[in-house]
Amino acid sequence: MTSFLFGAAGFVLTTVALGLVAVLRRPAEVDHMMAAQLLGTGGVAILVLLAAATDESPLVDVALLLALFAAFAAVAFVRSASGQESEVSRTTSGG
């Protein structure tokens, strides 16, 4: 079972790498954000597979943090792309 999990992690790593090459060749910022999301999702999958293969539970914690950071990056990108001010800056500027 361990060799299968390592093989699956290698397969996911290969597909993520190929996907990143394809997405990063495009010039739009949205495509670069998609690359970051792909890297986050693929990284989580790889870390969970490796955690299951090696019985190292801290890898699951790292995978959860990576998923959280990827979500924060997506929210930050959407906020910057839409041009919205944050609630804090509106209340502190008196606007």
PDB file of N, CA and C in Angstrom:
ATOM      1  N   MET A   1       0.823  -1.197   0.000  1.00  0.00           N
ATOM      2  CA  MET A   1       0.000   0.000   0.000  1.00  0.00           C
ATOM      3  C   MET A   1       0.865   1.258   0.000  1.00  0.00           C
ATOM      4  N   THR A   2       2.005   1.189   0.669  1.00  0.00           N
ATOM      5  CA  THR A   2       2.882   2.349   0.743  1.00  0.00           C
ATOM      6  C   THR A   2       3.408   2.723  -0.637  1.00  0.00           C
ATOM      7  N   SER A   3       3.792   1.737  -1.424  1.00  0.00           N
ATOM      8  CA  SER A   3       4.305   2.043  -2.768  1.00  0.00           C
ATOM      9  C   SER A   3       3.219   2.647  -3.653  1.00  0.00           C
ATOM     10  N   PHE A   4       1.974   2.199  -3.467  1.00  0.00           N
ATOM     11  CA  PHE A   4       0.870   2.784  -4.222  1.00  0.00           C
ATOM     12  C   PHE A   4       0.690   4.253  -3.859  1.00  0.00           C
ATOM     13  N   LEU A   5       0.756   4.575  -2.563  1.00  0.00           N
ATOM     14  CA  LEU A   5       0.581   5.962  -2.125  1.00  0.00           C
ATOM     15  C   LEU A   5       1.717   6.850  -2.627  1.00  0.00           C
ATOM     16  N   PHE A   6       2.943   6.331  -2.596  1.00  0.00           N
ATOM     17  CA  PHE A   6       4.066   7.093  -3.145  1.00  0.00           C
ATOM     18  C   PHE A   6       3.896   7.297  -4.652  1.00  0.00           C
ATOM     19  N   GLY A   7       3.426   6.275  -5.333  1.00  0.00           N
ATOM     20  CA  GLY A   7       3.171   6.392  -6.771  1.00  0.00           C
ATOM     21  C   GLY A   7       2.079   7.409  -7.082  1.00  0.00           C
ATOM     22  N   ALA A   8       1.023   7.387  -6.276  1.00  0.00           N
ATOM     23  CA  ALA A   8      -0.056   8.355  -6.470  1.00  0.00           C
ATOM     24  C   ALA A   8       0.441   9.777  -6.214  1.00  0.00           C
ATOM     25  N   ALA A   9       1.295   9.954  -5.186  1.00  0.00           N
ATOM     26  CA  ALA A   9       1.863  11.275  -4.905  1.00  0.00           C
ATOM     27  C   ALA A   9       2.740  11.734  -6.065  1.00  0.00           C
ATOM     28  N   GLY A  10       3.512  10.832  -6.633  1.00  0.00           N
ATOM     29  CA  GLY A  10       4.331  11.174  -7.795  1.00  0.00           C
ATOM     30  C   GLY A  10       3.492  11.538  -9.007  1.00  0.00           C
ATOM     31  N   PHE A  11       2.393  10.812  -9.200  1.00  0.00           N
ATOM     32  CA  PHE A  11       1.489  11.113 -10.309  1.00  0.00           C
ATOM     33  C   PHE A  11       0.869  12.491 -10.144  1.00  0.00           C
ATOM     34  N   VAL A  12       0.410  12.798  -8.932  1.00  0.00           N
ATOM     35  CA  VAL A  12      -0.175  14.119  -8.666  1.00  0.00           C
ATOM     36  C   VAL A  12       0.871  15.207  -8.876  1.00  0.00           C
ATOM     37  N   LEU A  13       2.092  14.970  -8.420  1.00  0.00           N
ATOM     38  CA  LEU A  13       3.165  15.940  -8.605  1.00  0.00           C
ATOM     39  C   LEU A  13       3.425  16.202 -10.086  1.00  0.00           C
ATOM     40  N   THR A  14       3.415  15.138 -10.881  1.00  0.00           N
ATOM     41  CA  THR A  14       3.637  15.288 -12.318  1.00  0.00           C
ATOM     42  C   THR A  14       2.519  16.074 -12.983  1.00  0.00           C
ATOM     43  N   THR A  15       1.286  15.764 -12.647  1.00  0.00           N
ATOM     44  CA  THR A  15       0.162  16.477 -13.260  1.00  0.00           C
ATOM     45  C   THR A  15       0.119  17.938 -12.820  1.00  0.00           C
ATOM     46  N   VAL A  16       0.464  18.208 -11.568  1.00  0.00           N
ATOM     47  CA  VAL A  16       0.510  19.596 -11.106  1.00  0.00           C
ATOM     48  C   VAL A  16       1.606  20.365 -11.837  1.00  0.00           C
ATOM     49  N   ALA A  17       2.756  19.749 -12.019  1.00  0.00           N
ATOM     50  CA  ALA A  17       3.852  20.410 -12.731  1.00  0.00           C
ATOM     51  C   ALA A  17       3.466  20.710 -14.182  1.00  0.00           C
ATOM     52  N   LEU A  18       2.839  19.752 -14.845  1.00  0.00           N
ATOM     53  CA  LEU A  18       2.400  19.989 -16.223  1.00  0.00           C
ATOM     54  C   LEU A  18       1.326  21.073 -16.288  1.00  0.00           C
ATOM     55  N   GLY A  19       0.419  21.059 -15.329  1.00  0.00           N
ATOM     56  CA  GLY A  19      -0.617  22.092 -15.279  1.00  0.00           C
ATOM     57  C   GLY A  19      -0.038  23.470 -15.016  1.00  0.00           C
ATOM     58  N   LEU A  20       0.961  23.547 -14.141  1.00  0.00           N
ATOM     59  CA  LEU A  20       1.590  24.836 -13.858  1.00  0.00           C
ATOM     60  C   LEU A  20       2.292  25.387 -15.090  1.00  0.00           C
ATOM     61  N   VAL A  21       2.974  24.528 -15.833  1.00  0.00           N
ATOM     62  CA  VAL A  21       3.643  24.983 -17.050  1.00  0.00           C
ATOM     63  C   VAL A  21       2.621  25.536 -18.031  1.00  0.00           C
ATOM     64  N   ALA A  22       1.512  24.847 -18.195  1.00  0.00           N
ATOM     65  CA  ALA A  22       0.486  25.296 -19.135  1.00  0.00           C
ATOM     66  C   ALA A  22      -0.156  26.603 -18.691  1.00  0.00           C
ATOM     67  N   VAL A  23      -0.439  26.731 -17.399  1.00  0.00           N
ATOM     68  CA  VAL A  23      -1.124  27.929 -16.903  1.00  0.00           C
ATOM     69  C   VAL A  23      -0.186  29.128 -16.870  1.00  0.00           C
ATOM     70  N   LEU A  24       1.063  28.927 -16.492  1.00  0.00           N
ATOM     71  CA  LEU A  24       1.986  30.054 -16.372  1.00  0.00           C
ATOM     72  C   LEU A  24       2.437  30.610 -17.719  1.00  0.00           C
ATOM     73  N   ARG A  25       2.201  29.906 -18.793  1.00  0.00           N
ATOM     74  CA  ARG A  25       2.529  30.438 -20.120  1.00  0.00           C
ATOM     75  C   ARG A  25       1.557  31.523 -20.550  1.00  0.00           C
ATOM     76  N   ARG A  26       0.440  31.606 -19.902  1.00  0.00           N
ATOM     77  CA  ARG A  26      -0.561  32.613 -20.254  1.00  0.00           C
ATOM     78  C   ARG A  26      -0.227  33.920 -19.539  1.00  0.00           C
ATOM     79  N   PRO A  27      -0.489  35.058 -20.187  1.00  0.00           N
ATOM     80  CA  PRO A  27      -0.050  36.329 -19.609  1.00  0.00           C
ATOM     81  C   PRO A  27      -0.991  36.940 -18.570  1.00  0.00           C
ATOM     82  N   ALA A  28      -2.227  36.498 -18.477  1.00  0.00           N
ATOM     83  CA  ALA A  28      -3.201  37.160 -17.601  1.00  0.00           C
ATOM     84  C   ALA A  28      -2.922  36.879 -16.126  1.00  0.00           C
ATOM     85  N   GLU A  29      -3.238  37.866 -15.290  1.00  0.00           N
ATOM     86  CA  GLU A  29      -3.053  37.708 -13.850  1.00  0.00           C
ATOM     87  C   GLU A  29      -3.961  36.619 -13.292  1.00  0.00           C
ATOM     88  N   VAL A  30      -5.138  36.492 -13.868  1.00  0.00           N
ATOM     89  CA  VAL A  30      -6.078  35.467 -13.411  1.00  0.00           C
ATOM     90  C   VAL A  30      -5.475  34.080 -13.607  1.00  0.00           C
ATOM     91  N   ASP A  31      -4.768  33.893 -14.691  1.00  0.00           N
ATOM     92  CA  ASP A  31      -4.129  32.600 -14.937  1.00  0.00           C
ATOM     93  C   ASP A  31      -3.044  32.323 -13.905  1.00  0.00           C
ATOM     94  N   HIS A  32      -2.347  33.349 -13.489  1.00  0.00           N
ATOM     95  CA  HIS A  32      -1.318  33.164 -12.461  1.00  0.00           C
ATOM     96  C   HIS A  32      -1.953  32.834 -11.111  1.00  0.00           C
ATOM     97  N   MET A  33      -3.120  33.419 -10.849  1.00  0.00           N
ATOM     98  CA  MET A  33      -3.825  33.062  -9.610  1.00  0.00           C
ATOM     99  C   MET A  33      -4.310  31.622  -9.678  1.00  0.00           C
ATOM    100  N   MET A  34      -4.740  31.194 -10.853  1.00  0.00           N
ATOM    101  CA  MET A  34      -5.145  29.800 -11.016  1.00  0.00           C
ATOM    102  C   MET A  34      -3.957  28.869 -10.790  1.00  0.00           C
ATOM    103  N   ALA A  35      -2.774  29.304 -11.187  1.00  0.00           N
ATOM    104  CA  ALA A  35      -1.572  28.502 -10.957  1.00  0.00           C
ATOM    105  C   ALA A  35      -1.308  28.373  -9.458  1.00  0.00           C
ATOM    106  N   ALA A  36      -1.503  29.454  -8.728  1.00  0.00           N
ATOM    107  CA  ALA A  36      -1.312  29.395  -7.277  1.00  0.00           C
ATOM    108  C   ALA A  36      -2.329  28.458  -6.636  1.00  0.00           C
ATOM    109  N   GLN A  37      -3.558  28.502  -7.102  1.00  0.00           N
ATOM    110  CA  GLN A  37      -4.580  27.602  -6.576  1.00  0.00           C
ATOM    111  C   GLN A  37      -4.271  26.146  -6.928  1.00  0.00           C
ATOM    112  N   LEU A  38      -3.795  25.926  -8.138  1.00  0.00           N
ATOM    113  CA  LEU A  38      -3.416  24.569  -8.548  1.00  0.00           C
ATOM    114  C   LEU A  38      -2.275  24.045  -7.691  1.00  0.00           C
ATOM    115  N   LEU A  39      -1.296  24.897  -7.440  1.00  0.00           N
ATOM    116  CA  LEU A  39      -0.173  24.499  -6.601  1.00  0.00           C
ATOM    117  C   LEU A  39      -0.636  24.201  -5.179  1.00  0.00           C
ATOM    118  N   GLY A  40      -1.544  25.016  -4.665  1.00  0.00           N
ATOM    119  CA  GLY A  40      -2.065  24.767  -3.316  1.00  0.00           C
ATOM    120  C   GLY A  40      -2.849  23.471  -3.220  1.00  0.00           C
ATOM    121  N   THR A  41      -3.722  23.245  -4.177  1.00  0.00           N
ATOM    122  CA  THR A  41      -4.535  22.026  -4.163  1.00  0.00           C
ATOM    123  C   THR A  41      -3.685  20.779  -4.375  1.00  0.00           C
ATOM    124  N   GLY A  42      -2.794  20.853  -5.343  1.00  0.00           N
ATOM    125  CA  GLY A  42      -1.904  19.718  -5.594  1.00  0.00           C
ATOM    126  C   GLY A  42      -0.973  19.462  -4.431  1.00  0.00           C
ATOM    127  N   GLY A  43      -0.486  20.537  -3.823  1.00  0.00           N
ATOM    128  CA  GLY A  43       0.382  20.388  -2.656  1.00  0.00           C
ATOM    129  C   GLY A  43      -0.319  19.724  -1.489  1.00  0.00           C
ATOM    130  N   VAL A  44      -1.569  20.086  -1.279  1.00  0.00           N
ATOM    131  CA  VAL A  44      -2.346  19.449  -0.213  1.00  0.00           C
ATOM    132  C   VAL A  44      -2.514  17.964  -0.501  1.00  0.00           C
ATOM    133  N   ALA A  45      -2.850  17.633  -1.741  1.00  0.00           N
ATOM    134  CA  ALA A  45      -3.037  16.224  -2.101  1.00  0.00           C
ATOM    135  C   ALA A  45      -1.748  15.432  -1.913  1.00  0.00           C
ATOM    136  N   ILE A  46      -0.637  16.000  -2.343  1.00  0.00           N
ATOM    137  CA  ILE A  46       0.646  15.307  -2.214  1.00  0.00           C
ATOM    138  C   ILE A  46       1.011  15.116  -0.753  1.00  0.00           C
ATOM    139  N   LEU A  47       0.835  16.156   0.058  1.00  0.00           N
ATOM    140  CA  LEU A  47       1.181  16.051   1.475  1.00  0.00           C
ATOM    141  C   LEU A  47       0.299  15.041   2.211  1.00  0.00           C
ATOM    142  N   VAL A  48      -0.977  14.987   1.879  1.00  0.00           N
ATOM    143  CA  VAL A  48      -1.863  14.014   2.534  1.00  0.00           C
ATOM    144  C   VAL A  48      -1.490  12.593   2.118  1.00  0.00           C
ATOM    145  N   LEU A  49      -1.170  12.405   0.844  1.00  0.00           N
ATOM    146  CA  LEU A  49      -0.742  11.071   0.398  1.00  0.00           C
ATOM    147  C   LEU A  49       0.560  10.659   1.074  1.00  0.00           C
ATOM    148  N   LEU A  50       1.503  11.577   1.180  1.00  0.00           N
ATOM    149  CA  LEU A  50       2.761  11.257   1.852  1.00  0.00           C
ATOM    150  C   LEU A  50       2.559  11.001   3.345  1.00  0.00           C
ATOM    151  N   ALA A  51       1.649  11.739   3.963  1.00  0.00           N
ATOM    152  CA  ALA A  51       1.355  11.510   5.378  1.00  0.00           C
ATOM    153  C   ALA A  51       0.773  10.116   5.586  1.00  0.00           C
ATOM    154  N   ALA A  52      -0.103   9.701   4.681  1.00  0.00           N
ATOM    155  CA  ALA A  52      -0.686   8.366   4.798  1.00  0.00           C
ATOM    156  C   ALA A  52       0.356   7.282   4.532  1.00  0.00           C
ATOM    157  N   ALA A  53       1.286   7.552   3.619  1.00  0.00           N
ATOM    158  CA  ALA A  53       2.291   6.549   3.273  1.00  0.00           C
ATOM    159  C   ALA A  53       3.339   6.385   4.363  1.00  0.00           C
ATOM    160  N   THR A  54       3.673   7.469   5.043  1.00  0.00           N
ATOM    161  CA  THR A  54       4.765   7.417   6.021  1.00  0.00           C
ATOM    162  C   THR A  54       4.291   7.447   7.470  1.00  0.00           C
ATOM    163  N   ASP A  55       2.996   7.536   7.691  1.00  0.00           N
ATOM    164  CA  ASP A  55       2.415   7.637   9.034  1.00  0.00           C
ATOM    165  C   ASP A  55       2.973   8.829   9.810  1.00  0.00           C
ATOM    166  N   GLU A  56       3.224   9.911   9.108  1.00  0.00           N
ATOM    167  CA  GLU A  56       3.680  11.152   9.721  1.00  0.00           C
ATOM    168  C   GLU A  56       2.502  12.113   9.789  1.00  0.00           C
ATOM    169  N   SER A  57       1.864  12.214  10.953  1.00  0.00           N
ATOM    170  CA  SER A  57       0.684  13.066  11.076  1.00  0.00           C
ATOM    171  C   SER A  57       0.987  14.557  10.961  1.00  0.00           C
ATOM    172  N   PRO A  58       2.195  15.050  11.287  1.00  0.00           N
ATOM    173  CA  PRO A  58       2.438  16.489  11.089  1.00  0.00           C
ATOM    174  C   PRO A  58       2.316  16.945   9.636  1.00  0.00           C
ATOM    175  N   LEU A  59       2.485  16.041   8.687  1.00  0.00           N
ATOM    176  CA  LEU A  59       2.313  16.414   7.283  1.00  0.00           C
ATOM    177  C   LEU A  59       0.875  16.817   6.987  1.00  0.00           C
ATOM    178  N   VAL A  60      -0.076  16.236   7.692  1.00  0.00           N
ATOM    179  CA  VAL A  60      -1.474  16.620   7.512  1.00  0.00           C
ATOM    180  C   VAL A  60      -1.678  18.045   8.001  1.00  0.00           C
ATOM    181  N   ASP A  61      -1.033  18.424   9.100  1.00  0.00           N
ATOM    182  CA  ASP A  61      -1.128  19.791   9.601  1.00  0.00           C
ATOM    183  C   ASP A  61      -0.557  20.784   8.593  1.00  0.00           C
ATOM    184  N   VAL A  62       0.558  20.428   7.991  1.00  0.00           N
ATOM    185  CA  VAL A  62       1.161  21.289   6.971  1.00  0.00           C
ATOM    186  C   VAL A  62       0.234  21.396   5.764  1.00  0.00           C
ATOM    187  N   ALA A  63      -0.409  20.301   5.405  1.00  0.00           N
ATOM    188  CA  ALA A  63      -1.347  20.314   4.280  1.00  0.00           C
ATOM    189  C   ALA A  63      -2.531  21.226   4.576  1.00  0.00           C
ATOM    190  N   LEU A  64      -3.035  21.186   5.790  1.00  0.00           N
ATOM    191  CA  LEU A  64      -4.148  22.066   6.157  1.00  0.00           C
ATOM    192  C   LEU A  64      -3.733  23.530   6.127  1.00  0.00           C
ATOM    193  N   LEU A  65      -2.524  23.827   6.575  1.00  0.00           N
ATOM    194  CA  LEU A  65      -2.034  25.201   6.499  1.00  0.00           C
ATOM    195  C   LEU A  65      -1.884  25.663   5.057  1.00  0.00           C
ATOM    196  N   LEU A  66      -1.402  24.793   4.200  1.00  0.00           N
ATOM    197  CA  LEU A  66      -1.270  25.132   2.791  1.00  0.00           C
ATOM    198  C   LEU A  66      -2.632  25.412   2.167  1.00  0.00           C
ATOM    199  N   ALA A  67      -3.629  24.631   2.525  1.00  0.00           N
ATOM    200  CA  ALA A  67      -4.983  24.869   2.025  1.00  0.00           C
ATOM    201  C   ALA A  67      -5.524  26.206   2.524  1.00  0.00           C
ATOM    202  N   LEU A  68      -5.234  26.526   3.772  1.00  0.00           N
ATOM    203  CA  LEU A  68      -5.678  27.795   4.337  1.00  0.00           C
ATOM    204  C   LEU A  68      -4.999  28.966   3.642  1.00  0.00           C
ATOM    205  N   PHE A  69      -3.696  28.860   3.408  1.00  0.00           N
ATOM    206  CA  PHE A  69      -2.967  29.935   2.725  1.00  0.00           C
ATOM    207  C   PHE A  69      -3.453  30.109   1.291  1.00  0.00           C
ATOM    208  N   ALA A  70      -3.770  29.025   0.619  1.00  0.00           N
ATOM    209  CA  ALA A  70      -4.286  29.117  -0.744  1.00  0.00           C
ATOM    210  C   ALA A  70      -5.635  29.829  -0.766  1.00  0.00           C
ATOM    211  N   ALA A  71      -6.469  29.551   0.219  1.00  0.00           N
ATOM    212  CA  ALA A  71      -7.764  30.236   0.301  1.00  0.00           C
ATOM    213  C   ALA A  71      -7.571  31.726   0.569  1.00  0.00           C
ATOM    214  N   PHE A  72      -6.656  32.068   1.473  1.00  0.00           N
ATOM    215  CA  PHE A  72      -6.379  33.477   1.743  1.00  0.00           C
ATOM    216  C   PHE A  72      -5.836  34.185   0.511  1.00  0.00           C
ATOM    217  N   ALA A  73      -4.993  33.508  -0.247  1.00  0.00           N
ATOM    218  CA  ALA A  73      -4.448  34.104  -1.464  1.00  0.00           C
ATOM    219  C   ALA A  73      -5.555  34.374  -2.484  1.00  0.00           C
ATOM    220  N   ALA A  74      -6.496  33.469  -2.595  1.00  0.00           N
ATOM    221  CA  ALA A  74      -7.607  33.677  -3.525  1.00  0.00           C
ATOM    222  C   ALA A  74      -8.469  34.859  -3.098  1.00  0.00           C
ATOM    223  N   VAL A  75      -8.743  34.962  -1.816  1.00  0.00           N
ATOM    224  CA  VAL A  75      -9.538  36.088  -1.314  1.00  0.00           C
ATOM    225  C   VAL A  75      -8.798  37.403  -1.536  1.00  0.00           C
ATOM    226  N   ALA A  76      -7.509  37.428  -1.258  1.00  0.00           N
ATOM    227  CA  ALA A  76      -6.723  38.650  -1.464  1.00  0.00           C
ATOM    228  C   ALA A  76      -6.701  39.044  -2.935  1.00  0.00           C
ATOM    229  N   PHE A  77      -6.592  38.069  -3.821  1.00  0.00           N
ATOM    230  CA  PHE A  77      -6.581  38.364  -5.245  1.00  0.00           C
ATOM    231  C   PHE A  77      -7.916  38.948  -5.685  1.00  0.00           C
ATOM    232  N   VAL A  78      -8.994  38.357  -5.243  1.00  0.00           N
ATOM    233  CA  VAL A  78     -10.321  38.843  -5.638  1.00  0.00           C
ATOM    234  C   VAL A  78     -10.541  40.250  -5.111  1.00  0.00           C
ATOM    235  N   ARG A  79     -10.130  40.499  -3.881  1.00  0.00           N
ATOM    236  CA  ARG A  79     -10.300  41.839  -3.312  1.00  0.00           C
ATOM    237  C   ARG A  79      -9.464  42.864  -4.065  1.00  0.00           C
ATOM    238  N   SER A  80      -8.242  42.522  -4.423  1.00  0.00           N
ATOM    239  CA  SER A  80      -7.400  43.482  -5.138  1.00  0.00           C
ATOM    240  C   SER A  80      -7.882  43.677  -6.572  1.00  0.00           C
ATOM    241  N   ALA A  81      -8.406  42.639  -7.178  1.00  0.00           N
ATOM    242  CA  ALA A  81      -8.891  42.749  -8.552  1.00  0.00           C
ATOM    243  C   ALA A  81     -10.177  43.559  -8.625  1.00  0.00           C
ATOM    244  N   SER A  82     -10.993  43.478  -7.583  1.00  0.00           N
ATOM    245  CA  SER A  82     -12.251  44.219  -7.606  1.00  0.00           C
ATOM    246  C   SER A  82     -12.067  45.666  -7.159  1.00  0.00           C
ATOM    247  N   GLY A  83     -10.937  45.979  -6.542  1.00  0.00           N
ATOM    248  CA  GLY A  83     -10.666  47.355  -6.128  1.00  0.00           C
ATOM    249  C   GLY A  83     -11.392  47.783  -4.879  1.00  0.00           C
ATOM    250  N   GLN A  84     -11.898  46.846  -4.110  1.00  0.00           N
ATOM    251  CA  GLN A  84     -12.614  47.190  -2.894  1.00  0.00           C
ATOM    252  C   GLN A  84     -11.645  47.566  -1.798  1.00  0.00           C
ATOM    253  N   GLU A  85     -12.084  48.527  -0.986  1.00  0.00           N
ATOM    254  CA  GLU A  85     -11.321  48.848   0.211  1.00  0.00           C
ATOM    255  C   GLU A  85     -11.762  47.909   1.314  1.00  0.00           C
ATOM    256  N   SER A  86     -10.881  47.702   2.248  1.00  0.00           N
ATOM    257  CA  SER A  86     -11.269  46.875   3.380  1.00  0.00           C
ATOM    258  C   SER A  86     -12.143  47.674   4.328  1.00  0.00           C
ATOM    259  N   GLU A  87     -12.902  46.989   5.136  1.00  0.00           N
ATOM    260  CA  GLU A  87     -13.783  47.634   6.100  1.00  0.00           C
ATOM    261  C   GLU A  87     -12.976  48.470   7.085  1.00  0.00           C
ATOM    262  N   VAL A  88     -11.803  48.016   7.447  1.00  0.00           N
ATOM    263  CA  VAL A  88     -10.965  48.746   8.408  1.00  0.00           C
ATOM    264  C   VAL A  88     -10.509  50.073   7.809  1.00  0.00           C
ATOM    265  N   SER A  89     -10.075  50.071   6.579  1.00  0.00           N
ATOM    266  CA  SER A  89      -9.584  51.311   5.984  1.00  0.00           C
ATOM    267  C   SER A  89     -10.706  52.312   5.774  1.00  0.00           C
ATOM    268  N   ARG A  90     -11.919  51.859   5.533  1.00  0.00           N
ATOM    269  CA  ARG A  90     -13.036  52.788   5.387  1.00  0.00           C
ATOM    270  C   ARG A  90     -13.406  53.446   6.701  1.00  0.00           C
ATOM    271  N   THR A  91     -13.371  52.666   7.787  1.00  0.00           N
ATOM    272  CA  THR A  91     -13.749  53.234   9.068  1.00  0.00           C
ATOM    273  C   THR A  91     -12.650  54.127   9.636  1.00  0.00           C
ATOM    274  N   THR A  92     -11.386  53.824   9.373  1.00  0.00           N
ATOM    275  CA  THR A  92     -10.310  54.652   9.904  1.00  0.00           C
ATOM    276  C   THR A  92     -10.101  55.921   9.089  1.00  0.00           C
ATOM    277  N   SER A  93     -10.476  55.919   7.805  1.00  0.00           N
ATOM    278  CA  SER A  93     -10.288  57.102   6.995  1.00  0.00           C
ATOM    279  C   SER A  93     -11.467  58.066   7.107  1.00  0.00           C
ATOM    280  N   GLY A  94     -12.524  57.639   7.791  1.00  0.00           N
ATOM    281  CA  GLY A  94     -13.677  58.519   7.990  1.00  0.00           C
ATOM    282  C   GLY A  94     -14.596  58.579   6.785  1.00  0.00           C
ATOM    283  N   GLY A  95     -14.400  57.676   5.835  1.00  0.00           N
ATOM    284  CA  GLY A  95     -15.182  57.688   4.592  1.00  0.00           C
ATOM    285  C   GLY A  95     -16.321  56.801   4.675  1.00  0.00           C
TER     286      GLY A  95
END
